[in-house]
């Protein structure tokens, strides 16, 4: 597979070194794993947002009603 060179700040390189799963893990392996984790997290967040939007409508139905408003004035 062709490769390329990228420039990283030394601080970032040190951070990458500190999160390796094992000492000989390459940056390529590490970054690939990080991207996979990011994608999974993003998928999960999209699902959570979807559920939240669905729940918003139901909560509006439950909370915005005349019966509840009548109790506020008692």
PDB file of N, CA and C in Angstrom:
ATOM      1  N   UNK A   1       0.848  -1.168   0.000  1.00  0.00           N
ATOM      2  CA  UNK A   1       0.000   0.000   0.000  1.00  0.00           C
ATOM      3  C   UNK A   1       0.899   1.238   0.000  1.00  0.00           C
ATOM      4  N   UNK A   2       0.599   2.216  -0.839  1.00  0.00           N
ATOM      5  CA  UNK A   2       1.414   3.431  -0.861  1.00  0.00           C
ATOM      6  C   UNK A   2       1.275   4.186   0.463  1.00  0.00           C
ATOM      7  N   UNK A   3       2.313   4.872   0.839  1.00  0.00           N
ATOM      8  CA  UNK A   3       2.256   5.639   2.080  1.00  0.00           C
ATOM      9  C   UNK A   3       2.643   7.084   1.823  1.00  0.00           C
ATOM     10  N   UNK A   4       2.375   7.915   2.797  1.00  0.00           N
ATOM     11  CA  UNK A   4       2.688   9.322   2.691  1.00  0.00           C
ATOM     12  C   UNK A   4       3.276   9.790   4.012  1.00  0.00           C
ATOM     13  N   UNK A   5       3.885  10.918   3.986  1.00  0.00           N
ATOM     14  CA  UNK A   5       4.444  11.504   5.195  1.00  0.00           C
ATOM     15  C   UNK A   5       3.565  12.667   5.621  1.00  0.00           C
ATOM     16  N   UNK A   6       3.265  12.711   6.915  1.00  0.00           N
ATOM     17  CA  UNK A   6       2.510  13.841   7.446  1.00  0.00           C
ATOM     18  C   UNK A   6       3.309  14.459   8.583  1.00  0.00           C
ATOM     19  N   UNK A   7       3.131  15.740   8.773  1.00  0.00           N
ATOM     20  CA  UNK A   7       3.824  16.426   9.852  1.00  0.00           C
ATOM     21  C   UNK A   7       2.903  16.537  11.056  1.00  0.00           C
ATOM     22  N   UNK A   8       3.427  16.143  12.212  1.00  0.00           N
ATOM     23  CA  UNK A   8       2.673  16.220  13.459  1.00  0.00           C
ATOM     24  C   UNK A   8       3.488  16.981  14.495  1.00  0.00           C
ATOM     25  N   UNK A   9       2.802  17.724  15.327  1.00  0.00           N
ATOM     26  CA  UNK A   9       3.487  18.384  16.433  1.00  0.00           C
ATOM     27  C   UNK A   9       4.067  17.330  17.368  1.00  0.00           C
ATOM     28  N   UNK A  10       5.172  17.652  17.977  1.00  0.00           N
ATOM     29  CA  UNK A  10       5.808  16.711  18.912  1.00  0.00           C
ATOM     30  C   UNK A  10       4.860  16.357  20.061  1.00  0.00           C
ATOM     31  N   UNK A  11       4.067  17.319  20.469  1.00  0.00           N
ATOM     32  CA  UNK A  11       3.105  17.087  21.542  1.00  0.00           C
ATOM     33  C   UNK A  11       2.113  15.983  21.140  1.00  0.00           C
ATOM     34  N   UNK A  12       1.646  16.041  19.898  1.00  0.00           N
ATOM     35  CA  UNK A  12       0.716  15.032  19.410  1.00  0.00           C
ATOM     36  C   UNK A  12       1.402  13.670  19.308  1.00  0.00           C
ATOM     37  N   UNK A  13       2.621  13.651  18.837  1.00  0.00           N
ATOM     38  CA  UNK A  13       3.366  12.392  18.732  1.00  0.00           C
ATOM     39  C   UNK A  13       3.507  11.770  20.121  1.00  0.00           C
ATOM     40  N   UNK A  14       3.807  12.574  21.120  1.00  0.00           N
ATOM     41  CA  UNK A  14       3.920  12.066  22.490  1.00  0.00           C
ATOM     42  C   UNK A  14       2.580  11.543  22.995  1.00  0.00           C
ATOM     43  N   UNK A  15       1.507  12.224  22.639  1.00  0.00           N
ATOM     44  CA  UNK A  15       0.172  11.750  23.016  1.00  0.00           C
ATOM     45  C   UNK A  15      -0.125  10.406  22.351  1.00  0.00           C
ATOM     46  N   UNK A  16       0.219  10.291  21.085  1.00  0.00           N
ATOM     47  CA  UNK A  16       0.010   9.021  20.385  1.00  0.00           C
ATOM     48  C   UNK A  16       0.820   7.904  21.039  1.00  0.00           C
ATOM     49  N   UNK A  17       2.051   8.195  21.389  1.00  0.00           N
ATOM     50  CA  UNK A  17       2.894   7.194  22.058  1.00  0.00           C
ATOM     51  C   UNK A  17       2.262   6.741  23.366  1.00  0.00           C
ATOM     52  N   UNK A  18       1.687   7.672  24.076  1.00  0.00           N
ATOM     53  CA  UNK A  18       1.136   7.346  25.402  1.00  0.00           C
ATOM     54  C   UNK A  18      -0.142   6.509  25.337  1.00  0.00           C
ATOM     55  N   UNK A  19      -0.830   6.502  24.199  1.00  0.00           N
ATOM     56  CA  UNK A  19      -2.085   5.739  24.104  1.00  0.00           C
ATOM     57  C   UNK A  19      -1.942   4.440  23.313  1.00  0.00           C
ATOM     58  N   UNK A  20      -0.730   4.096  22.965  1.00  0.00           N
ATOM     59  CA  UNK A  20      -0.522   2.823  22.259  1.00  0.00           C
ATOM     60  C   UNK A  20      -1.047   1.667  23.096  1.00  0.00           C
ATOM     61  N   UNK A  21      -1.575   0.661  22.416  1.00  0.00           N
ATOM     62  CA  UNK A  21      -2.074  -0.523  23.109  1.00  0.00           C
ATOM     63  C   UNK A  21      -0.943  -1.482  23.458  1.00  0.00           C
ATOM     64  N   UNK A  22       0.119  -1.428  22.691  1.00  0.00           N
ATOM     65  CA  UNK A  22       1.316  -2.220  22.966  1.00  0.00           C
ATOM     66  C   UNK A  22       2.515  -1.457  22.402  1.00  0.00           C
ATOM     67  N   UNK A  23       3.702  -1.681  22.943  1.00  0.00           N
ATOM     68  CA  UNK A  23       4.868  -0.840  22.597  1.00  0.00           C
ATOM     69  C   UNK A  23       5.235  -0.768  21.113  1.00  0.00           C
ATOM     70  N   UNK A  24       5.023  -1.832  20.381  1.00  0.00           N
ATOM     71  CA  UNK A  24       5.429  -1.821  18.977  1.00  0.00           C
ATOM     72  C   UNK A  24       4.293  -1.493  18.015  1.00  0.00           C
ATOM     73  N   UNK A  25       3.206  -1.013  18.553  1.00  0.00           N
ATOM     74  CA  UNK A  25       2.077  -0.635  17.702  1.00  0.00           C
ATOM     75  C   UNK A  25       2.494   0.555  16.835  1.00  0.00           C
ATOM     76  N   UNK A  26       2.248   0.438  15.544  1.00  0.00           N
ATOM     77  CA  UNK A  26       2.625   1.521  14.635  1.00  0.00           C
ATOM     78  C   UNK A  26       1.605   2.644  14.725  1.00  0.00           C
ATOM     79  N   UNK A  27       2.035   3.825  14.310  1.00  0.00           N
ATOM     80  CA  UNK A  27       1.102   4.951  14.287  1.00  0.00           C
ATOM     81  C   UNK A  27      -0.042   4.669  13.321  1.00  0.00           C
ATOM     82  N   UNK A  28       0.254   3.991  12.243  1.00  0.00           N
ATOM     83  CA  UNK A  28      -0.780   3.638  11.269  1.00  0.00           C
ATOM     84  C   UNK A  28      -1.851   2.760  11.923  1.00  0.00           C
ATOM     85  N   UNK A  29      -1.419   1.740  12.662  1.00  0.00           N
ATOM     86  CA  UNK A  29      -2.370   0.864  13.358  1.00  0.00           C
ATOM     87  C   UNK A  29      -3.172   1.652  14.394  1.00  0.00           C
ATOM     88  N   UNK A  30      -2.472   2.476  15.130  1.00  0.00           N
ATOM     89  CA  UNK A  30      -3.111   3.257  16.178  1.00  0.00           C
ATOM     90  C   UNK A  30      -4.154   4.219  15.609  1.00  0.00           C
ATOM     91  N   UNK A  31      -3.787   4.943  14.583  1.00  0.00           N
ATOM     92  CA  UNK A  31      -4.705   5.909  13.980  1.00  0.00           C
ATOM     93  C   UNK A  31      -5.882   5.193  13.317  1.00  0.00           C
ATOM     94  N   UNK A  32      -5.637   4.065  12.688  1.00  0.00           N
ATOM     95  CA  UNK A  32      -6.721   3.271  12.098  1.00  0.00           C
ATOM     96  C   UNK A  32      -7.712   2.859  13.179  1.00  0.00           C
ATOM     97  N   UNK A  33      -7.187   2.394  14.296  1.00  0.00           N
ATOM     98  CA  UNK A  33      -8.056   2.002  15.412  1.00  0.00           C
ATOM     99  C   UNK A  33      -8.844   3.206  15.940  1.00  0.00           C
ATOM    100  N   UNK A  34      -8.186   4.337  16.055  1.00  0.00           N
ATOM    101  CA  UNK A  34      -8.844   5.546  16.549  1.00  0.00           C
ATOM    102  C   UNK A  34      -9.980   5.980  15.604  1.00  0.00           C
ATOM    103  N   UNK A  35      -9.731   5.877  14.314  1.00  0.00           N
ATOM    104  CA  UNK A  35     -10.759   6.235  13.327  1.00  0.00           C
ATOM    105  C   UNK A  35     -11.954   5.283  13.444  1.00  0.00           C
ATOM    106  N   UNK A  36     -11.686   4.000  13.619  1.00  0.00           N
ATOM    107  CA  UNK A  36     -12.774   3.026  13.782  1.00  0.00           C
ATOM    108  C   UNK A  36     -13.615   3.342  15.016  1.00  0.00           C
ATOM    109  N   UNK A  37     -12.950   3.652  16.113  1.00  0.00           N
ATOM    110  CA  UNK A  37     -13.657   3.999  17.349  1.00  0.00           C
ATOM    111  C   UNK A  37     -14.483   5.265  17.137  1.00  0.00           C
ATOM    112  N   UNK A  38     -13.918   6.239  16.466  1.00  0.00           N
ATOM    113  CA  UNK A  38     -14.634   7.485  16.189  1.00  0.00           C
ATOM    114  C   UNK A  38     -15.894   7.218  15.365  1.00  0.00           C
ATOM    115  N   UNK A  39     -15.763   6.387  14.336  1.00  0.00           N
ATOM    116  CA  UNK A  39     -16.916   6.069  13.484  1.00  0.00           C
ATOM    117  C   UNK A  39     -18.022   5.390  14.277  1.00  0.00           C
ATOM    118  N   UNK A  40     -17.654   4.435  15.133  1.00  0.00           N
ATOM    119  CA  UNK A  40     -18.646   3.744  15.951  1.00  0.00           C
ATOM    120  C   UNK A  40     -19.337   4.704  16.906  1.00  0.00           C
ATOM    121  N   UNK A  41     -18.574   5.594  17.495  1.00  0.00           N
ATOM    122  CA  UNK A  41     -19.129   6.579  18.417  1.00  0.00           C
ATOM    123  C   UNK A  41     -20.093   7.504  17.690  1.00  0.00           C
ATOM    124  N   UNK A  42     -19.709   7.906  16.501  1.00  0.00           N
ATOM    125  CA  UNK A  42     -20.562   8.794  15.716  1.00  0.00           C
ATOM    126  C   UNK A  42     -21.880   8.108  15.361  1.00  0.00           C
ATOM    127  N   UNK A  43     -21.799   6.824  14.987  1.00  0.00           N
ATOM    128  CA  UNK A  43     -23.011   6.062  14.675  1.00  0.00           C
ATOM    129  C   UNK A  43     -23.924   5.989  15.887  1.00  0.00           C
ATOM    130  N   UNK A  44     -23.341   5.712  17.044  1.00  0.00           N
ATOM    131  CA  UNK A  44     -24.110   5.607  18.280  1.00  0.00           C
ATOM    132  C   UNK A  44     -24.757   6.945  18.613  1.00  0.00           C
ATOM    133  N   UNK A  45     -24.019   8.030  18.441  1.00  0.00           N
ATOM    134  CA  UNK A  45     -24.562   9.357  18.723  1.00  0.00           C
ATOM    135  C   UNK A  45     -25.717   9.693  17.791  1.00  0.00           C
ATOM    136  N   UNK A  46     -25.608   9.292  16.523  1.00  0.00           N
ATOM    137  CA  UNK A  46     -26.702   9.532  15.583  1.00  0.00           C
ATOM    138  C   UNK A  46     -27.949   8.781  16.019  1.00  0.00           C
ATOM    139  N   UNK A  47     -27.762   7.553  16.503  1.00  0.00           N
ATOM    140  CA  UNK A  47     -28.886   6.755  16.991  1.00  0.00           C
ATOM    141  C   UNK A  47     -29.509   7.424  18.220  1.00  0.00           C
ATOM    142  N   UNK A  48     -28.664   7.889  19.144  1.00  0.00           N
ATOM    143  CA  UNK A  48     -29.154   8.568  20.345  1.00  0.00           C
ATOM    144  C   UNK A  48     -29.928   9.832  19.983  1.00  0.00           C
ATOM    145  N   UNK A  49     -29.420  10.598  19.020  1.00  0.00           N
ATOM    146  CA  UNK A  49     -30.112  11.808  18.583  1.00  0.00           C
ATOM    147  C   UNK A  49     -31.469  11.469  17.957  1.00  0.00           C
ATOM    148  N   UNK A  50     -31.505  10.394  17.188  1.00  0.00           N
ATOM    149  CA  UNK A  50     -32.749   9.940  16.575  1.00  0.00           C
ATOM    150  C   UNK A  50     -33.780   9.611  17.659  1.00  0.00           C
ATOM    151  N   UNK A  51     -33.364   8.856  18.681  1.00  0.00           N
ATOM    152  CA  UNK A  51     -34.270   8.511  19.773  1.00  0.00           C
ATOM    153  C   UNK A  51     -34.732   9.758  20.516  1.00  0.00           C
ATOM    154  N   UNK A  52     -33.823  10.679  20.734  1.00  0.00           N
ATOM    155  CA  UNK A  52     -34.160  11.910  21.435  1.00  0.00           C
ATOM    156  C   UNK A  52     -35.236  12.693  20.676  1.00  0.00           C
ATOM    157  N   UNK A  53     -35.091  12.778  19.368  1.00  0.00           N
ATOM    158  CA  UNK A  53     -36.081  13.508  18.563  1.00  0.00           C
ATOM    159  C   UNK A  53     -37.449  12.841  18.630  1.00  0.00           C
ATOM    160  N   UNK A  54     -37.469  11.528  18.600  1.00  0.00           N
ATOM    161  CA  UNK A  54     -38.732  10.803  18.703  1.00  0.00           C
ATOM    162  C   UNK A  54     -39.360  11.050  20.075  1.00  0.00           C
ATOM    163  N   UNK A  55     -38.541  11.002  21.110  1.00  0.00           N
ATOM    164  CA  UNK A  55     -39.045  11.180  22.474  1.00  0.00           C
ATOM    165  C   UNK A  55     -39.545  12.603  22.712  1.00  0.00           C
ATOM    166  N   UNK A  56     -38.938  13.574  22.054  1.00  0.00           N
ATOM    167  CA  UNK A  56     -39.362  14.959  22.241  1.00  0.00           C
ATOM    168  C   UNK A  56     -40.843  15.136  21.926  1.00  0.00           C
ATOM    169  N   UNK A  57     -41.294  14.568  20.829  1.00  0.00           N
ATOM    170  CA  UNK A  57     -42.694  14.705  20.428  1.00  0.00           C
ATOM    171  C   UNK A  57     -43.602  14.055  21.460  1.00  0.00           C
ATOM    172  N   UNK A  58     -43.235  12.864  21.920  1.00  0.00           N
ATOM    173  CA  UNK A  58     -44.072  12.169  22.905  1.00  0.00           C
ATOM    174  C   UNK A  58     -44.098  12.945  24.216  1.00  0.00           C
ATOM    175  N   UNK A  59     -42.971  13.477  24.647  1.00  0.00           N
ATOM    176  CA  UNK A  59     -42.931  14.252  25.883  1.00  0.00           C
ATOM    177  C   UNK A  59     -43.778  15.510  25.749  1.00  0.00           C
ATOM    178  N   UNK A  60     -43.764  16.110  24.588  1.00  0.00           N
ATOM    179  CA  UNK A  60     -44.596  17.298  24.352  1.00  0.00           C
ATOM    180  C   UNK A  60     -46.074  16.930  24.500  1.00  0.00           C
ATOM    181  N   UNK A  61     -46.449  15.775  23.950  1.00  0.00           N
ATOM    182  CA  UNK A  61     -47.833  15.312  24.076  1.00  0.00           C
ATOM    183  C   UNK A  61     -48.196  15.083  25.542  1.00  0.00           C
ATOM    184  N   UNK A  62     -47.274  14.501  26.295  1.00  0.00           N
ATOM    185  CA  UNK A  62     -47.546  14.178  27.699  1.00  0.00           C
ATOM    186  C   UNK A  62     -47.586  15.412  28.600  1.00  0.00           C
ATOM    187  N   UNK A  63     -46.705  16.362  28.349  1.00  0.00           N
ATOM    188  CA  UNK A  63     -46.567  17.510  29.251  1.00  0.00           C
ATOM    189  C   UNK A  63     -47.387  18.723  28.843  1.00  0.00           C
ATOM    190  N   UNK A  64     -47.626  18.913  27.577  1.00  0.00           N
ATOM    191  CA  UNK A  64     -48.397  20.072  27.116  1.00  0.00           C
ATOM    192  C   UNK A  64     -49.857  19.686  26.939  1.00  0.00           C
ATOM    193  N   UNK A  65     -50.584  19.658  28.053  1.00  0.00           N
ATOM    194  CA  UNK A  65     -51.999  19.322  27.951  1.00  0.00           C
ATOM    195  C   UNK A  65     -52.800  20.152  28.957  1.00  0.00           C
ATOM    196  N   UNK A  66     -54.085  20.253  28.704  1.00  0.00           N
ATOM    197  CA  UNK A  66     -54.971  21.104  29.517  1.00  0.00           C
ATOM    198  C   UNK A  66     -55.086  20.602  30.957  1.00  0.00           C
ATOM    199  N   UNK A  67     -55.070  19.279  31.160  1.00  0.00           N
ATOM    200  CA  UNK A  67     -55.219  18.731  32.508  1.00  0.00           C
ATOM    201  C   UNK A  67     -54.075  19.179  33.419  1.00  0.00           C
ATOM    202  N   UNK A  68     -52.855  19.143  32.897  1.00  0.00           N
ATOM    203  CA  UNK A  68     -51.705  19.591  33.692  1.00  0.00           C
ATOM    204  C   UNK A  68     -51.772  21.082  33.961  1.00  0.00           C
ATOM    205  N   UNK A  69     -52.216  21.850  32.994  1.00  0.00           N
ATOM    206  CA  UNK A  69     -52.316  23.304  33.154  1.00  0.00           C
ATOM    207  C   UNK A  69     -53.346  23.639  34.228  1.00  0.00           C
ATOM    208  N   UNK A  70     -54.412  22.854  34.329  1.00  0.00           N
ATOM    209  CA  UNK A  70     -55.430  23.093  35.336  1.00  0.00           C
ATOM    210  C   UNK A  70     -54.858  22.919  36.742  1.00  0.00           C
ATOM    211  N   UNK A  71     -53.972  21.956  36.933  1.00  0.00           N
ATOM    212  CA  UNK A  71     -53.355  21.746  38.254  1.00  0.00           C
ATOM    213  C   UNK A  71     -52.455  22.911  38.642  1.00  0.00           C
ATOM    214  N   UNK A  72     -51.871  23.589  37.688  1.00  0.00           N
ATOM    215  CA  UNK A  72     -51.002  24.735  38.001  1.00  0.00           C
ATOM    216  C   UNK A  72     -51.771  25.882  38.637  1.00  0.00           C
ATOM    217  N   UNK A  73     -53.073  25.955  38.361  1.00  0.00           N
ATOM    218  CA  UNK A  73     -53.893  27.064  38.854  1.00  0.00           C
ATOM    219  C   UNK A  73     -54.646  26.731  40.143  1.00  0.00           C
ATOM    220  N   UNK A  74     -54.421  25.562  40.709  1.00  0.00           N
ATOM    221  CA  UNK A  74     -55.144  25.151  41.927  1.00  0.00           C
ATOM    222  C   UNK A  74     -54.497  25.773  43.149  1.00  0.00           C
TER     223      UNK A  74
END
